[in-house]
Amino acid sequence: MASLLPQLGSLIARDSSSQSFDNCTLETCPIDSSYYTYRMSLAANATFIALFGVSLLGYIGVFAATRRAFAFTFAMVAGVILEILGYAGRLMSWKNQWNEDGFLMQIVCLTIAPAFMAGGIYMCLRRIVYAFGKEGSRIKPEMYTRIVSLCPFFHPSMSRYGNKKERC
């Protein structure tokens, strides 16, 4: 972790006036000056795109066959599409690791996608409790979705009093 901080600082403080990275290639610039500081694997990123593509087809196929769980399907399809776009951004960066477009595309999409997928799973908690028996649950199965949906509003960063000591 300590060795990561200087690299992160150099990426944040990267000034285009001191050195231009527009024409960098693997032969002309050191890999440490790229956004990633390592050479990405083309095969791994292509494999992830293929796996998420198959998942996308699976989610759409099951929804088309059953016409059930629209909220779950929407959340999972949105998350999978964002994952595919994120790994496509990594493939764009594989060609040119100094290109900011591919880097921003992958960092935004791969950061947001898991939130959609987690939301889809949280929407299923009620059904999971019913499947395993509601007698094992401390709260009513209908309350899971409501509770999970309201939790972000009670997080300290979402309150108007950011500090717990200031709250009543």
Protein backbone atom coordinates (compact mmCIF):
# COMPACT_ATOMS: atom_id res chain seq x y z
CA MET A 1 0.00 0.00 0.00
CA ALA A 2 2.82 2.40 0.83
CA SER A 3 4.41 1.91 -2.60
CA LEU A 4 1.09 2.63 -4.29
CA LEU A 5 0.76 6.14 -2.83
CA PRO A 6 3.66 7.75 -4.72
CA GLN A 7 2.39 6.27 -7.99
CA LEU A 8 -1.11 7.54 -7.30
CA GLY A 9 0.26 10.96 -6.44
CA SER A 10 2.23 11.11 -9.68
CA LEU A 11 -0.86 10.21 -11.70
CA ILE A 12 -2.98 12.85 -9.99
CA ALA A 13 -0.30 15.50 -10.30
CA ARG A 14 0.34 14.66 -13.96
CA ASP A 15 0.74 17.99 -15.71
CA SER A 16 0.36 18.06 -19.47
CA SER A 17 2.56 21.16 -19.75
CA SER A 18 5.65 19.44 -18.31
CA GLN A 19 5.56 16.38 -20.57
CA SER A 20 3.16 15.44 -23.31
CA PHE A 21 1.83 11.89 -23.17
CA ASP A 22 -0.24 12.31 -26.34
CA ASN A 23 2.26 10.52 -28.57
CA CYS A 24 3.41 7.87 -26.11
CA THR A 25 3.71 4.25 -27.13
CA LEU A 26 5.24 1.24 -25.40
CA GLU A 27 8.49 1.91 -27.28
CA THR A 28 8.74 5.65 -26.56
CA CYS A 29 7.54 6.08 -22.97
CA PRO A 30 8.11 4.02 -19.83
CA ILE A 31 5.13 1.93 -18.74
CA ASP A 32 5.29 3.61 -15.31
CA SER A 33 4.08 6.84 -16.91
CA SER A 34 0.83 5.25 -18.18
CA TYR A 35 -2.43 5.32 -16.28
CA TYR A 36 -2.03 1.69 -15.22
CA THR A 37 1.74 1.37 -14.58
CA TYR A 38 1.61 -2.23 -15.89
CA ARG A 39 0.86 -3.95 -19.19
CA MET A 40 -2.71 -5.24 -19.21
CA SER A 41 -3.63 -8.68 -20.46
CA LEU A 42 -5.57 -8.65 -23.70
CA ALA A 43 -6.71 -12.25 -23.20
CA ALA A 44 -8.05 -11.67 -19.67
CA ASN A 45 -10.03 -8.58 -20.64
CA ALA A 46 -11.46 -10.27 -23.74
CA THR A 47 -12.42 -13.28 -21.60
CA PHE A 48 -14.28 -11.06 -19.15
CA ILE A 49 -16.15 -9.37 -22.00
CA ALA A 50 -17.16 -12.80 -23.33
CA LEU A 51 -18.28 -14.04 -19.90
CA PHE A 52 -20.33 -10.94 -19.19
CA GLY A 53 -21.76 -11.14 -22.72
CA VAL A 54 -22.92 -14.71 -22.07
CA SER A 55 -24.38 -13.56 -18.73
CA LEU A 56 -26.23 -10.76 -20.50
CA LEU A 57 -27.76 -13.20 -22.97
CA GLY A 58 -28.68 -15.51 -20.08
CA TYR A 59 -30.47 -12.78 -18.10
CA ILE A 60 -32.35 -11.58 -21.15
CA GLY A 61 -33.22 -15.15 -22.19
CA VAL A 62 -34.58 -16.11 -18.76
CA PHE A 63 -36.61 -12.91 -18.54
CA ALA A 64 -38.02 -13.44 -22.05
CA ALA A 65 -39.04 -16.98 -21.14
CA THR A 66 -40.53 -16.24 -17.71
CA ARG A 67 -41.52 -12.55 -17.77
CA ARG A 68 -40.85 -12.43 -14.03
CA ALA A 69 -38.65 -10.35 -11.74
CA PHE A 70 -38.42 -7.24 -13.92
CA ALA A 71 -36.58 -5.18 -11.28
CA PHE A 72 -33.97 -7.90 -10.74
CA THR A 73 -33.48 -8.41 -14.46
CA PHE A 74 -33.20 -4.66 -15.11
CA ALA A 75 -30.61 -4.22 -12.36
CA MET A 76 -28.54 -7.21 -13.47
CA VAL A 77 -28.70 -6.31 -17.18
CA ALA A 78 -27.66 -2.72 -16.39
CA GLY A 79 -24.76 -4.01 -14.27
CA VAL A 80 -23.63 -6.50 -16.91
CA ILE A 81 -23.78 -3.89 -19.68
CA LEU A 82 -21.67 -1.54 -17.57
CA GLU A 83 -19.18 -4.37 -16.94
CA ILE A 84 -18.94 -5.02 -20.69
CA LEU A 85 -18.39 -1.30 -21.36
CA GLY A 86 -15.77 -1.15 -18.60
CA TYR A 87 -13.78 -4.03 -20.02
CA ALA A 88 -14.18 -2.54 -23.51
CA GLY A 89 -12.54 0.58 -22.08
CA ARG A 90 -9.69 -1.59 -20.81
CA LEU A 91 -9.32 -3.04 -24.31
CA MET A 92 -9.18 0.51 -25.67
CA SER A 93 -6.45 1.23 -23.13
CA TRP A 94 -4.56 -1.92 -24.11
CA LYS A 95 -3.94 -0.38 -27.51
CA ASN A 96 -2.76 2.89 -25.96
CA GLN A 97 -2.30 2.93 -22.18
CA TRP A 98 -1.81 6.71 -22.22
CA ASN A 99 -5.26 7.36 -23.71
CA GLU A 100 -7.48 8.99 -21.11
CA ASP A 101 -10.78 8.01 -22.79
CA GLY A 102 -10.35 4.27 -22.27
CA PHE A 103 -9.12 4.80 -18.71
CA LEU A 104 -12.09 6.96 -17.75
CA MET A 105 -14.51 4.60 -19.45
CA GLN A 106 -13.23 1.60 -17.52
CA ILE A 107 -12.91 3.36 -14.16
CA VAL A 108 -16.46 4.78 -14.23
CA CYS A 109 -18.22 1.69 -15.61
CA LEU A 110 -16.37 -0.87 -13.48
CA THR A 111 -17.01 1.21 -10.36
CA ILE A 112 -20.76 1.66 -10.90
CA ALA A 113 -21.62 -1.83 -12.26
CA PRO A 114 -21.37 -3.74 -8.94
CA ALA A 115 -23.85 -1.34 -7.34
CA PHE A 116 -26.49 -2.35 -9.89
CA MET A 117 -25.75 -6.03 -9.38
CA ALA A 118 -25.87 -5.74 -5.59
CA GLY A 119 -29.18 -3.89 -5.90
CA GLY A 120 -30.58 -6.73 -7.99
CA ILE A 121 -29.51 -9.28 -5.41
CA TYR A 122 -30.98 -7.22 -2.56
CA MET A 123 -34.30 -7.19 -4.41
CA CYS A 124 -34.28 -11.01 -4.18
CA LEU A 125 -33.77 -11.24 -0.42
CA ARG A 126 -37.49 -11.55 0.20
CA ARG A 127 -37.80 -14.47 -2.20
CA ILE A 128 -34.71 -16.13 -0.75
CA VAL A 129 -36.20 -15.96 2.75
CA TYR A 130 -39.45 -17.48 1.48
CA ALA A 131 -37.50 -20.26 -0.26
CA PHE A 132 -35.55 -21.24 2.86
CA GLY A 133 -38.44 -20.69 5.28
CA LYS A 134 -39.62 -17.46 6.82
CA GLU A 135 -39.50 -19.03 10.29
CA GLY A 136 -35.71 -18.65 10.19
CA SER A 137 -35.91 -14.90 9.62
CA ARG A 138 -36.06 -12.37 12.44
CA ILE A 139 -38.04 -9.89 10.36
CA LYS A 140 -40.90 -10.27 7.91
CA PRO A 141 -39.69 -11.15 4.40
CA GLU A 142 -41.61 -8.18 2.95
CA MET A 143 -39.49 -5.81 5.03
CA TYR A 144 -36.12 -6.75 3.49
CA THR A 145 -36.54 -4.68 0.34
CA ARG A 146 -37.82 -1.69 2.29
CA ILE A 147 -35.00 -1.83 4.82
CA VAL A 148 -32.26 -2.27 2.23
CA SER A 149 -33.73 0.52 0.09
CA LEU A 150 -33.69 2.95 3.03
CA CYS A 151 -30.23 2.06 4.41
CA PRO A 152 -28.26 4.55 2.28
CA PHE A 153 -30.31 7.41 3.73
CA PHE A 154 -29.20 6.53 7.26
CA HIS A 155 -25.51 6.35 6.40
CA PRO A 156 -23.49 9.14 8.10
CA SER A 157 -22.27 10.50 4.77
CA MET A 158 -25.89 10.98 3.62
CA SER A 159 -27.10 12.79 6.72
CA ARG A 160 -27.03 16.56 7.02
CA TYR A 161 -24.97 16.14 10.20
CA GLY A 162 -21.87 14.40 8.87
CA ASN A 163 -20.49 13.85 12.37
CA LYS A 164 -22.20 11.33 14.69
CA LYS A 165 -21.44 13.47 17.75
CA GLU A 166 -23.61 16.31 16.41
CA ARG A 167 -26.68 14.13 16.09
CA CYS A 168 -29.41 14.03 18.71
